[in-house]
Protein backbone atom coordinates (compact mmCIF):
# COMPACT_ATOMS: atom_id res chain seq x y z
CA UNK A 1 -29.84 -50.76 -17.46
CA UNK A 2 -32.55 -51.77 -19.91
CA UNK A 3 -34.54 -48.91 -21.47
CA UNK A 4 -37.49 -49.47 -23.80
CA UNK A 5 -38.42 -46.61 -26.11
CA UNK A 6 -42.16 -46.84 -26.72
CA UNK A 7 -43.64 -45.29 -29.87
CA UNK A 8 -46.32 -45.86 -32.49
CA UNK A 9 -47.18 -45.63 -36.20
CA UNK A 10 -44.18 -47.46 -37.63
CA UNK A 11 -45.15 -46.59 -41.23
CA UNK A 12 -44.88 -42.84 -40.73
CA UNK A 13 -42.66 -42.62 -37.67
CA UNK A 14 -39.89 -40.40 -39.00
CA UNK A 15 -39.47 -37.43 -36.61
CA UNK A 16 -35.80 -36.64 -36.19
CA UNK A 17 -36.11 -36.07 -32.45
CA UNK A 18 -37.09 -39.71 -31.84
CA UNK A 19 -33.99 -41.00 -33.60
CA UNK A 20 -31.97 -38.43 -31.64
CA UNK A 21 -33.43 -39.64 -28.36
CA UNK A 22 -32.66 -43.26 -29.26
CA UNK A 23 -29.11 -42.20 -30.11
CA UNK A 24 -28.75 -40.35 -26.80
CA UNK A 25 -29.89 -43.42 -24.85
CA UNK A 26 -27.50 -45.71 -26.73
CA UNK A 27 -24.61 -43.32 -26.19
CA UNK A 28 -25.44 -43.13 -22.48
CA UNK A 29 -24.93 -46.91 -22.28
CA UNK A 30 -28.51 -48.14 -22.05
CA UNK A 31 -29.47 -51.56 -23.39
CA UNK A 32 -32.09 -50.14 -25.75
CA UNK A 33 -35.18 -51.76 -27.24
CA UNK A 34 -37.96 -50.13 -29.26
CA UNK A 35 -41.60 -51.17 -28.84
CA UNK A 36 -44.23 -50.12 -31.36
CA UNK A 37 -47.99 -50.27 -31.21
CA UNK A 38 -49.81 -50.16 -34.52
CA UNK A 39 -52.74 -47.99 -35.55
CA UNK A 40 -55.00 -47.76 -38.57
CA UNK A 41 -54.39 -45.15 -41.25
CA UNK A 42 -57.47 -43.31 -39.98
CA UNK A 43 -55.99 -43.17 -36.49
CA UNK A 44 -52.70 -41.92 -37.91
CA UNK A 45 -54.48 -39.12 -39.77
CA UNK A 46 -56.47 -38.21 -36.68
CA UNK A 47 -53.30 -38.05 -34.59
CA UNK A 48 -51.58 -35.93 -37.22
CA UNK A 49 -54.49 -33.50 -37.31
CA UNK A 50 -54.47 -33.22 -33.52
CA UNK A 51 -50.74 -32.61 -33.33
CA UNK A 52 -50.04 -30.49 -36.41
CA UNK A 53 -53.38 -29.12 -37.60
CA UNK A 54 -54.81 -29.69 -41.07
CA UNK A 55 -52.13 -27.78 -42.99
CA UNK A 56 -49.21 -29.26 -41.07
CA UNK A 57 -50.51 -32.82 -41.27
CA UNK A 58 -51.17 -32.53 -45.01
CA UNK A 59 -47.68 -31.13 -45.60
CA UNK A 60 -46.02 -34.00 -43.73
CA UNK A 61 -47.78 -36.61 -45.82
CA UNK A 62 -47.06 -34.67 -49.02
CA UNK A 63 -43.37 -34.39 -48.16
CA UNK A 64 -42.98 -38.14 -48.28
CA UNK A 65 -43.24 -39.29 -44.70
CA UNK A 66 -44.40 -42.69 -45.93
CA UNK A 67 -41.43 -44.97 -46.68
CA UNK A 68 -43.03 -46.16 -49.94
CA UNK A 69 -42.50 -42.71 -51.46
CA UNK A 70 -39.26 -42.32 -53.42
CA UNK A 71 -37.10 -39.24 -53.33
CA UNK A 72 -36.85 -37.34 -56.61
CA UNK A 73 -33.62 -37.62 -58.55
CA UNK A 74 -31.02 -35.42 -56.92
CA UNK A 75 -33.34 -34.66 -53.98
CA UNK A 76 -32.96 -35.53 -50.31
CA UNK A 77 -33.36 -39.12 -49.21
CA UNK A 78 -36.73 -40.05 -47.68
CA UNK A 79 -36.86 -39.66 -43.91
CA UNK A 80 -35.81 -42.82 -42.10
CA UNK A 81 -38.19 -44.35 -39.60
CA UNK A 82 -37.17 -44.90 -36.00
CA UNK A 83 -37.63 -48.65 -36.53
CA UNK A 84 -35.22 -48.83 -39.46
CA UNK A 85 -32.72 -46.55 -37.70
CA UNK A 86 -32.79 -48.66 -34.52
CA UNK A 87 -32.48 -52.00 -36.29
CA UNK A 88 -29.48 -50.77 -38.27
CA UNK A 89 -27.76 -50.00 -34.97
CA UNK A 90 -28.54 -53.29 -33.28
CA UNK A 91 -31.42 -52.10 -31.10
CA UNK A 92 -34.19 -54.72 -31.30
CA UNK A 93 -37.61 -53.52 -32.46
CA UNK A 94 -40.80 -55.22 -31.26
CA UNK A 95 -44.15 -54.60 -32.94
CA UNK A 96 -47.60 -55.20 -31.46
CA UNK A 97 -51.18 -54.29 -32.23
CA UNK A 98 -51.80 -52.67 -28.84
CA UNK A 99 -49.64 -52.06 -25.81
CA UNK A 100 -52.02 -53.87 -23.48
CA UNK A 101 -52.29 -57.04 -25.56
CA UNK A 102 -51.06 -60.27 -24.01
CA UNK A 103 -48.19 -60.72 -26.47
CA UNK A 104 -46.89 -57.21 -25.76
CA UNK A 105 -47.14 -57.69 -21.99
CA UNK A 106 -45.34 -61.01 -22.24
CA UNK A 107 -42.48 -59.56 -24.30
CA UNK A 108 -42.09 -56.56 -22.02
CA UNK A 109 -41.98 -58.87 -19.02
CA UNK A 110 -39.25 -60.90 -20.74
CA UNK A 111 -37.23 -57.75 -21.43
CA UNK A 112 -37.51 -56.79 -17.74
CA UNK A 113 -36.99 -53.08 -18.47
CA UNK A 114 -35.79 -50.66 -15.85
CA UNK A 115 -37.29 -47.73 -17.75
CA UNK A 116 -40.00 -47.19 -20.31
CA UNK A 117 -39.40 -43.95 -22.23
CA UNK A 118 -42.44 -42.71 -24.15
CA UNK A 119 -41.90 -41.06 -27.52
CA UNK A 120 -45.28 -40.39 -29.07
CA UNK A 121 -46.76 -43.57 -27.61
CA UNK A 122 -50.37 -44.64 -27.39
CA UNK A 123 -52.15 -44.41 -24.04
CA UNK A 124 -50.23 -46.72 -21.72
CA UNK A 125 -52.44 -49.11 -19.71
CA UNK A 126 -51.88 -49.89 -16.04
CA UNK A 127 -50.71 -53.39 -16.95
CA UNK A 128 -47.75 -51.89 -18.85
CA UNK A 129 -46.99 -49.25 -16.21
CA UNK A 130 -46.58 -52.05 -13.67
CA UNK A 131 -43.70 -53.66 -15.61
CA UNK A 132 -40.63 -51.32 -15.47
CA UNK A 133 -38.50 -51.61 -12.34
CA UNK A 134 -37.87 -47.86 -11.98
CA UNK A 135 -40.46 -45.84 -13.91
CA UNK A 136 -42.23 -44.94 -17.12
CA UNK A 137 -41.33 -41.40 -18.20
CA UNK A 138 -42.95 -39.05 -20.69
CA UNK A 139 -42.20 -35.68 -22.24
CA UNK A 140 -45.23 -33.39 -21.93
CA UNK A 141 -45.45 -30.28 -24.11
CA UNK A 142 -46.53 -27.99 -21.30
CA UNK A 143 -45.31 -26.73 -17.95
CA UNK A 144 -46.70 -29.00 -15.26
CA UNK A 145 -48.59 -28.91 -13.02
CA UNK A 146 -50.54 -25.96 -14.43
CA UNK A 147 -51.16 -27.36 -17.93
CA UNK A 148 -52.17 -31.00 -18.17
CA UNK A 149 -53.85 -32.77 -21.06
CA UNK A 150 -54.01 -31.95 -24.77
CA UNK A 151 -52.88 -29.05 -26.96
CA UNK A 152 -51.34 -27.35 -23.94
CA UNK A 153 -48.89 -25.31 -26.03
CA UNK A 154 -51.85 -23.73 -27.81
CA UNK A 155 -53.76 -23.30 -24.55
CA UNK A 156 -50.73 -21.69 -22.88
CA UNK A 157 -50.42 -19.15 -25.69
CA UNK A 158 -54.15 -18.54 -25.69
CA UNK A 159 -53.99 -17.73 -21.95
CA UNK A 160 -50.73 -15.73 -22.24
CA UNK A 161 -48.69 -18.16 -20.15
CA UNK A 162 -45.15 -19.45 -20.83
CA UNK A 163 -44.69 -22.58 -22.93
CA UNK A 164 -42.28 -25.39 -22.25
CA UNK A 165 -41.68 -29.09 -21.70
CA UNK A 166 -42.03 -31.21 -18.56
CA UNK A 167 -40.70 -34.73 -18.13
CA UNK A 168 -42.73 -36.66 -15.60
CA UNK A 169 -43.29 -40.13 -14.26
CA UNK A 170 -46.37 -41.67 -15.87
CA UNK A 171 -49.09 -42.84 -13.51
CA UNK A 172 -52.69 -43.88 -14.26
CA UNK A 173 -53.80 -40.22 -14.25
CA UNK A 174 -53.52 -37.64 -17.03
CA UNK A 175 -50.09 -35.98 -16.66
CA UNK A 176 -50.35 -36.24 -12.86
CA UNK A 177 -47.17 -38.21 -12.04
CA UNK A 178 -44.11 -36.84 -10.27
CA UNK A 179 -42.31 -34.09 -12.19
CA UNK A 180 -38.68 -34.90 -12.97
CA UNK A 181 -37.54 -31.96 -15.14
CA UNK A 182 -39.08 -28.82 -16.64
CA UNK A 183 -37.80 -26.26 -19.10
CA UNK A 184 -39.50 -23.13 -20.43
CA UNK A 185 -39.02 -22.37 -24.12
CA UNK A 186 -38.40 -18.85 -25.44
CA UNK A 187 -40.81 -17.67 -28.13
CA UNK A 188 -39.23 -15.29 -30.66
CA UNK A 189 -40.94 -12.92 -33.05
CA UNK A 190 -42.04 -14.85 -36.11
CA UNK A 191 -42.70 -18.07 -34.23
CA UNK A 192 -45.61 -20.29 -35.23
CA UNK A 193 -47.27 -23.25 -33.57
CA UNK A 194 -45.40 -25.50 -35.97
CA UNK A 195 -42.00 -23.98 -35.22
CA UNK A 196 -42.72 -24.21 -31.51
CA UNK A 197 -43.62 -27.88 -31.98
CA UNK A 198 -40.12 -28.49 -33.34
CA UNK A 199 -38.60 -26.69 -30.33
CA UNK A 200 -40.73 -28.75 -27.97
CA UNK A 201 -39.60 -31.97 -29.63
CA UNK A 202 -35.91 -31.16 -29.34
CA UNK A 203 -36.37 -30.03 -25.74
CA UNK A 204 -38.26 -33.23 -24.95
CA UNK A 205 -35.42 -35.23 -26.50
CA UNK A 206 -32.83 -33.55 -24.28
CA UNK A 207 -34.89 -33.74 -21.08
CA UNK A 208 -35.96 -37.37 -21.57
CA UNK A 209 -32.35 -38.45 -22.03
CA UNK A 210 -31.31 -36.37 -19.02
CA UNK A 211 -34.11 -37.87 -16.93
CA UNK A 212 -33.19 -41.42 -17.93
CA UNK A 213 -29.57 -40.89 -16.89
CA UNK A 214 -30.66 -39.14 -13.70
CA UNK A 215 -32.97 -41.97 -12.70
CA UNK A 216 -30.25 -44.50 -13.44
CA UNK A 217 -27.56 -42.64 -11.54
CA UNK A 218 -29.72 -41.28 -8.73
CA UNK A 219 -29.33 -37.61 -9.58
CA UNK A 220 -33.00 -36.58 -9.72
CA UNK A 221 -35.37 -35.41 -7.01
CA UNK A 222 -38.95 -35.97 -8.25
CA UNK A 223 -41.54 -33.32 -7.39
CA UNK A 224 -44.98 -34.73 -6.56
CA UNK A 225 -48.09 -33.09 -8.01
CA UNK A 226 -51.35 -32.40 -6.22
CA UNK A 227 -54.62 -32.60 -8.18
CA UNK A 228 -55.51 -29.03 -7.26
CA UNK A 229 -52.21 -27.66 -8.58
CA UNK A 230 -53.29 -27.71 -12.21
CA UNK A 231 -56.04 -28.09 -14.74
CA UNK A 232 -56.68 -30.66 -17.45
CA UNK A 233 -57.14 -29.25 -20.94
CA UNK A 234 -58.78 -30.95 -23.91
CA UNK A 235 -58.39 -30.79 -27.66
CA UNK A 236 -58.59 -27.19 -28.82
CA UNK A 237 -61.25 -26.21 -31.32
CA UNK A 238 -59.77 -25.06 -34.66
CA UNK A 239 -61.23 -21.58 -34.17
CA UNK A 240 -59.42 -21.18 -30.86
CA UNK A 241 -56.27 -22.68 -32.35
CA UNK A 242 -56.33 -20.01 -35.04
CA UNK A 243 -56.68 -17.35 -32.35
CA UNK A 244 -53.60 -18.72 -30.59
CA UNK A 245 -51.71 -18.75 -33.90
CA UNK A 246 -52.86 -15.18 -34.56
CA UNK A 247 -51.40 -14.03 -31.23
CA UNK A 248 -48.01 -15.26 -32.40
CA UNK A 249 -48.50 -13.75 -35.83
CA UNK A 250 -49.58 -10.28 -34.70
CA UNK A 251 -47.23 -10.04 -31.73
CA UNK A 252 -49.86 -9.93 -28.97
CA UNK A 253 -48.71 -13.05 -27.12
CA UNK A 254 -47.53 -11.79 -23.73
CA UNK A 255 -44.33 -13.87 -23.59
CA UNK A 256 -43.06 -13.01 -27.06
CA UNK A 257 -39.32 -12.23 -27.02
CA UNK A 258 -39.15 -12.44 -23.22
CA UNK A 259 -36.40 -14.06 -21.18
CA UNK A 260 -37.78 -17.29 -19.74
CA UNK A 261 -34.69 -18.34 -17.79
CA UNK A 262 -35.56 -18.77 -14.15
CA UNK A 263 -39.21 -19.65 -14.79
CA UNK A 264 -38.45 -23.31 -14.16
CA UNK A 265 -35.62 -24.89 -12.14
């Protein structure tokens, strides 16, 4: 089965979980390709601010996420991009300006993928969603169907609801496709939004690989969503984000140190 891992920002694309997901798919026997869409430096900075906040985004750039930065003598090696990692292991990497451009659509059609697996991808147009034989799947950092849209980890904490990851089929809506897998994430004392982001990434890695195998082998029962089942959230204002962070910091988040097993199947 052909699986295409779709991502973006090849110059700063170093998160460990993406390489782990690619490794999981290769080990599961998928014929793996990686497709990148490019973005300007300004768009990269904007995405980093949205995902990590100002302090987290600045730290990632300062730590040498760009491949042109050299590691200090005796220090750790610079983080390896997904593209370099994949090419070293024989997984072809295809680079395009935008996912919906004609050259990208033509290459994807040639690859005839069974699955598209999104890993920090740009917005996927309908023309791309129509290509895979089985599905396009995404890892969403919130428990669907209640929390759709952006910054849903922060919104969940702000509203004293559990946090977690959902893997769903991508349709033209915003996080409205069939739910394949969900997993709540425990939040311990001392957690921060940044530490929870790392937990979400590793959970997304595991669930995306599990979903890909389940769709290939027929072991998944998708759960449809209804529009009225949830709410779409938008980018959180920095003031509200700080309030969510403060709830973790001062121990007032309702799900702190609680057992979350059984919240999701």
